[in-house]
Protein backbone atom coordinates (compact mmCIF):
# COMPACT_ATOMS: atom_id res chain seq x y z
CA MET A 1 40.85 165.94 144.39
CA ASN A 2 39.95 167.26 147.70
CA ILE A 3 41.63 170.48 149.00
CA ASN A 4 42.80 170.86 152.64
CA THR A 5 40.44 173.13 154.42
CA GLN A 6 42.53 173.12 157.65
CA PHE A 7 45.58 175.18 157.61
CA LEU A 8 48.08 174.27 160.42
CA CYS A 9 50.35 177.28 161.02
CA GLY A 10 52.06 177.65 164.30
CA ARG A 11 49.73 178.41 167.21
CA PHE A 12 46.77 178.19 164.96
CA GLN A 13 44.47 175.87 162.84
CA LEU A 14 42.82 178.02 160.28
CA ASP A 15 39.40 177.03 158.78
CA LEU A 16 39.71 177.71 155.12
CA THR A 17 36.07 176.92 154.31
CA ARG A 18 35.91 180.74 154.61
CA PRO A 19 38.25 182.70 152.54
CA GLN A 20 41.06 184.29 154.61
CA VAL A 21 42.42 187.83 154.10
CA MET A 22 46.17 188.24 154.63
CA GLY A 23 47.04 191.97 155.47
CA ILE A 24 50.39 193.29 154.33
CA VAL A 25 52.64 194.91 156.74
CA ASN A 26 55.78 196.10 154.82
CA VAL A 27 58.58 197.26 157.33
CA THR A 28 60.60 198.66 154.37
CA PRO A 29 61.67 202.00 152.91
CA ASP A 30 61.27 200.89 149.36
CA SER A 31 58.39 198.61 148.79
CA PHE A 32 56.39 199.45 145.63
CA SER A 33 53.11 200.63 147.20
CA ASP A 34 53.76 201.90 150.83
CA GLY A 35 57.58 201.88 151.18
CA GLY A 36 58.67 204.02 154.10
CA LYS A 37 55.21 204.42 155.69
CA TYR A 38 55.53 201.81 158.42
CA SER A 39 59.40 201.52 158.55
CA SER A 40 59.56 201.69 162.34
CA VAL A 41 58.40 199.19 164.77
CA ASN A 42 55.73 201.39 166.52
CA LEU A 43 54.46 202.48 163.08
CA ALA A 44 54.50 198.85 161.85
CA VAL A 45 52.75 197.57 164.97
CA GLU A 46 50.13 200.44 164.70
CA HIS A 47 49.40 199.59 161.06
CA ALA A 48 49.11 195.90 161.83
CA LEU A 49 46.60 196.60 164.72
CA LYS A 50 44.51 198.74 162.27
CA LEU A 51 44.40 195.80 159.69
CA ILE A 52 43.21 193.42 162.52
CA ALA A 53 40.42 195.85 163.31
CA GLU A 54 39.47 195.90 159.62
CA GLY A 55 39.19 192.27 159.60
CA ALA A 56 42.65 190.73 158.64
CA ASP A 57 42.69 187.10 159.49
CA ILE A 58 46.52 186.94 158.95
CA LEU A 59 49.37 189.44 159.07
CA ASP A 60 52.33 189.12 156.60
CA ILE A 61 55.25 191.14 157.82
CA GLY A 62 58.18 191.74 155.34
CA GLY A 63 61.57 193.48 155.74
CA GLU A 64 62.85 193.13 152.26
CA SER A 65 61.11 194.51 149.02
CA THR A 66 60.85 192.02 146.26
CA ARG A 67 59.28 194.30 143.66
CA PRO A 68 60.80 194.08 140.27
CA GLY A 69 64.29 195.66 140.23
CA ALA A 70 64.50 195.91 143.96
CA GLU A 71 67.98 195.58 145.48
CA PRO A 72 68.67 192.76 148.05
CA VAL A 73 68.79 193.76 151.70
CA SER A 74 71.43 192.47 154.01
CA LEU A 75 70.57 189.61 156.55
CA GLU A 76 71.46 191.82 159.36
CA GLU A 77 69.26 194.66 158.27
CA GLU A 78 66.29 192.48 157.52
CA LEU A 79 66.58 190.72 160.93
CA ARG A 80 66.66 194.43 162.40
CA ARG A 81 63.40 195.35 160.67
CA VAL A 82 61.21 192.49 161.23
CA VAL A 83 62.05 190.58 164.41
CA PRO A 84 60.99 193.38 166.93
CA VAL A 85 57.74 193.74 164.84
CA ILE A 86 57.01 190.09 165.14
CA GLU A 87 57.98 189.88 168.86
CA ALA A 88 55.74 192.85 169.45
CA LEU A 89 52.82 191.60 167.60
CA SER A 90 52.98 188.13 168.98
CA LYS A 91 52.18 189.56 172.49
CA VAL A 92 49.20 191.55 171.49
CA THR A 93 47.48 189.83 168.61
CA THR A 94 45.32 186.69 168.18
CA VAL A 95 45.85 186.13 164.44
CA PRO A 96 48.57 184.21 162.83
CA LEU A 97 51.84 186.04 161.99
CA SER A 98 53.51 185.47 158.64
CA ILE A 99 57.18 186.17 157.84
CA ASP A 100 57.69 187.24 154.16
CA THR A 101 61.25 186.18 153.58
CA TYR A 102 63.50 183.74 151.49
CA LYS A 103 66.48 183.89 153.95
CA PRO A 104 66.59 180.70 156.21
CA GLU A 105 68.27 182.78 158.81
CA VAL A 106 65.37 185.22 159.01
CA MET A 107 62.82 182.29 158.79
CA ARG A 108 64.37 180.77 162.04
CA ALA A 109 64.74 184.03 163.96
CA ALA A 110 61.09 185.01 163.01
CA ILE A 111 59.62 181.71 164.10
CA VAL A 112 61.54 181.87 167.42
CA ALA A 113 60.10 185.49 167.71
CA GLY A 114 56.57 184.22 167.22
CA ALA A 115 55.96 183.77 163.33
CA ASP A 116 53.43 181.11 162.51
CA ILE A 117 53.81 181.20 158.79
CA VAL A 118 56.83 181.21 156.42
CA ASN A 119 55.85 183.01 153.12
CA ASP A 120 58.70 182.38 150.80
CA ILE A 121 58.99 183.59 147.21
CA CYS A 122 61.64 181.02 146.63
CA ALA A 123 59.53 177.99 147.85
CA LEU A 124 62.14 176.93 150.45
CA ARG A 125 64.86 176.44 147.83
CA GLU A 126 67.54 178.30 149.59
CA ASP A 127 70.04 176.01 151.50
CA GLY A 128 68.57 175.12 154.94
CA ALA A 129 65.06 176.50 154.45
CA LEU A 130 63.46 173.13 154.21
CA GLU A 131 65.04 171.99 157.34
CA ILE A 132 64.21 174.99 159.43
CA VAL A 133 60.55 175.00 158.49
CA ALA A 134 60.31 171.20 158.94
CA ALA A 135 61.88 171.41 162.38
CA SER A 136 59.17 173.90 163.43
CA ASN A 137 55.42 173.69 163.47
CA ALA A 138 55.02 176.79 161.14
CA GLY A 139 52.96 176.79 158.12
CA VAL A 140 54.51 177.64 154.76
CA CYS A 141 53.51 179.28 151.54
CA LEU A 142 55.43 178.02 148.60
CA MET A 143 55.36 180.67 145.70
CA HIS A 144 56.61 180.36 142.03
CA MET A 145 59.08 182.83 140.67
CA GLN A 146 61.01 182.76 137.44
CA GLY A 147 64.32 184.44 137.72
CA VAL A 148 65.13 186.74 140.75
CA PRO A 149 63.43 190.11 141.50
CA GLN A 150 66.31 192.11 140.10
CA THR A 151 65.70 190.83 136.50
CA MET A 152 62.51 188.73 136.50
CA GLN A 153 60.54 191.10 134.49
CA LEU A 154 62.90 191.83 131.75
CA ASN A 155 61.85 188.95 129.53
CA PRO A 156 59.86 186.25 131.29
CA GLN A 157 59.17 183.42 128.82
CA TYR A 158 57.12 180.19 129.19
CA GLU A 159 55.72 177.53 126.74
CA ASP A 160 52.77 176.96 128.89
CA VAL A 161 52.70 179.23 131.88
CA VAL A 162 50.02 177.29 133.73
CA ALA A 163 51.55 173.82 133.41
CA GLU A 164 54.95 175.13 134.18
CA VAL A 165 53.91 176.99 137.31
CA LYS A 166 51.84 174.01 138.36
CA GLN A 167 54.62 171.53 137.94
CA PHE A 168 57.08 173.71 139.87
CA LEU A 169 54.69 173.98 142.75
CA ALA A 170 53.98 170.10 142.69
CA ASP A 171 57.66 169.62 142.64
CA ARG A 172 58.06 171.87 145.81
CA VAL A 173 55.29 170.13 147.66
CA GLU A 174 57.04 166.84 147.15
CA ALA A 175 60.35 168.32 148.61
CA CYS A 176 58.34 169.48 151.73
CA LEU A 177 56.71 166.24 152.11
CA ALA A 178 59.93 164.41 151.76
CA HIS A 179 61.27 166.59 154.62
CA GLY A 180 58.33 165.78 156.94
CA ILE A 181 56.42 168.90 156.45
CA ALA A 182 52.78 167.79 156.83
CA SER A 183 50.38 168.44 153.90
CA GLU A 184 48.07 170.43 156.24
CA ARG A 185 51.02 172.97 156.70
CA ILE A 186 51.41 173.81 153.06
CA THR A 187 49.70 176.51 150.81
CA LEU A 188 50.73 177.40 147.34
CA ASP A 189 51.02 180.75 145.44
CA PRO A 190 51.30 181.09 141.65
CA GLY A 191 53.58 184.14 142.03
CA PHE A 192 51.57 186.75 140.20
CA GLY A 193 54.08 189.49 138.92
CA PHE A 194 57.19 187.37 139.69
CA GLY A 195 58.64 186.73 136.36
CA LYS A 196 55.34 186.95 134.40
CA THR A 197 53.94 189.22 131.57
CA THR A 198 50.56 190.53 131.63
CA ALA A 199 49.31 187.79 129.46
CA HIS A 200 51.04 185.11 131.85
CA ASN A 201 49.26 186.74 134.87
CA VAL A 202 45.90 186.68 133.03
CA ALA A 203 46.20 183.16 131.92
CA LEU A 204 47.08 182.11 135.60
CA ILE A 205 43.96 183.96 136.94
CA GLN A 206 41.79 182.33 134.26
CA HIS A 207 43.03 178.91 135.17
CA LEU A 208 43.42 179.25 138.85
CA ASP A 209 41.09 176.22 139.38
CA ARG A 210 43.67 174.04 137.64
CA PHE A 211 46.02 174.56 140.59
CA ALA A 212 43.35 173.17 143.15
CA GLU A 213 43.98 169.91 141.27
CA LEU A 214 47.20 169.71 143.40
CA GLY A 215 45.08 169.54 146.56
CA PHE A 216 46.43 172.38 148.44
CA PRO A 217 44.95 175.71 149.32
CA LEU A 218 45.91 178.65 147.08
CA LEU A 219 47.05 182.12 148.32
CA VAL A 220 46.78 184.80 145.66
CA GLY A 221 48.69 188.21 145.94
CA LEU A 222 47.59 190.72 143.22
CA SER A 223 47.00 193.72 145.50
CA ARG A 224 48.05 196.93 143.72
CA LYS A 225 50.37 195.10 141.39
CA SER A 226 51.52 196.62 138.05
CA VAL A 227 49.56 193.90 136.10
CA LEU A 228 46.32 195.58 137.48
CA GLY A 229 47.75 198.99 136.32
CA ARG A 230 48.42 197.70 132.88
CA ILE A 231 45.02 196.37 132.61
CA ALA A 232 42.90 199.04 134.42
CA GLY A 233 45.20 202.02 134.46
CA GLY A 234 46.34 203.98 137.48
CA ASP A 235 49.38 203.99 139.84
CA GLU A 236 49.79 201.99 142.84
CA GLN A 237 47.37 204.19 144.90
CA GLN A 238 44.74 203.94 142.19
CA ARG A 239 44.40 200.16 141.90
CA LEU A 240 41.77 199.43 144.71
CA HIS A 241 38.89 198.51 142.43
CA ALA A 242 41.06 196.46 140.10
CA GLY A 243 42.46 194.67 143.16
CA LEU A 244 39.05 193.95 144.63
CA ALA A 245 37.98 192.42 141.28
CA ALA A 246 41.06 190.21 141.37
CA SER A 247 40.51 189.11 144.93
CA VAL A 248 36.76 188.28 144.08
CA ILE A 249 37.60 186.46 140.90
CA SER A 250 40.33 184.45 142.70
CA VAL A 251 38.27 183.48 145.58
CA MET A 252 35.39 182.48 143.10
CA LYS A 253 37.92 180.38 141.22
CA GLY A 254 39.13 178.63 144.47
CA ALA A 255 41.70 180.64 146.23
CA LYS A 256 41.53 180.40 150.06
CA ILE A 257 43.84 183.16 151.11
CA VAL A 258 44.20 186.61 149.48
CA ARG A 259 47.26 188.83 150.35
CA VAL A 260 46.25 192.59 150.29
CA HIS A 261 46.96 196.04 151.12
CA ASP A 262 43.22 197.09 151.43
CA VAL A 263 41.81 194.91 154.06
CA LYS A 264 38.48 196.45 154.90
CA ALA A 265 37.40 196.74 151.34
CA THR A 266 38.56 193.18 150.55
CA VAL A 267 36.76 191.70 153.51
CA ASP A 268 33.49 193.53 152.66
CA ALA A 269 33.80 192.26 148.91
CA LEU A 270 34.37 188.70 150.09
CA LYS A 271 31.35 188.71 152.34
CA VAL A 272 29.28 189.27 149.30
CA VAL A 273 31.10 186.35 147.60
CA ALA A 274 30.43 184.11 150.54
CA ALA A 275 26.72 185.09 150.48
CA VAL A 276 26.42 184.04 146.88
CA MET A 277 28.45 181.02 147.16
């Protein structure tokens, strides 16, 4: 099956014949890797501009940590964190801005503020989310998650993790299409680390090409995640090399977008992949 190589998202039409690097901008005090480092508007904007200078093709802005065990953030607090950052960046950047949220109200406000993509760990399952995205011209990333962040890593179980994640994503694509969201606006994320053991995550990487059978671009987010630490050792700040390996393998297996903290290193690694492929 042919995969969409054009990703329509807000003000942009991304050419996915070249892998795209999505830089992470966490406007949170408690994200697992960089919590608190960019929690003011000025610091977040400064960090985002640095990521663009390093080669980021997309910026992913989040105001609520969804690491395992994270506590939910109120709607008001999440809006306070992300909307001013998106408004500021939309005036000074020329790359798509993504809002990392599952709350429909945040999606709506972020799109109004200038977000081009909705990156949703709940795959638009919250009441009203499908309608809000459908009424906009924003792109969307549909992610698989078993359970909720507070408990998802306690005892995740699957009979066939690849088949089950693939079927979930296929079902969410159908829901989007039924609501009038064009196929060119959809990307998919298997949800590494979201209700998966190390074995589950490894299986998903090994069989990433099976998700391409759905015909939609894949986004992979493995940067600094604990599964890399369990495989290679090291804390969040010591997982650069493992993360680069994961990004390279993912792209060689068909991923079109990689979501990372370490933009410059990833961009360089993927230039080598592009030269070889």
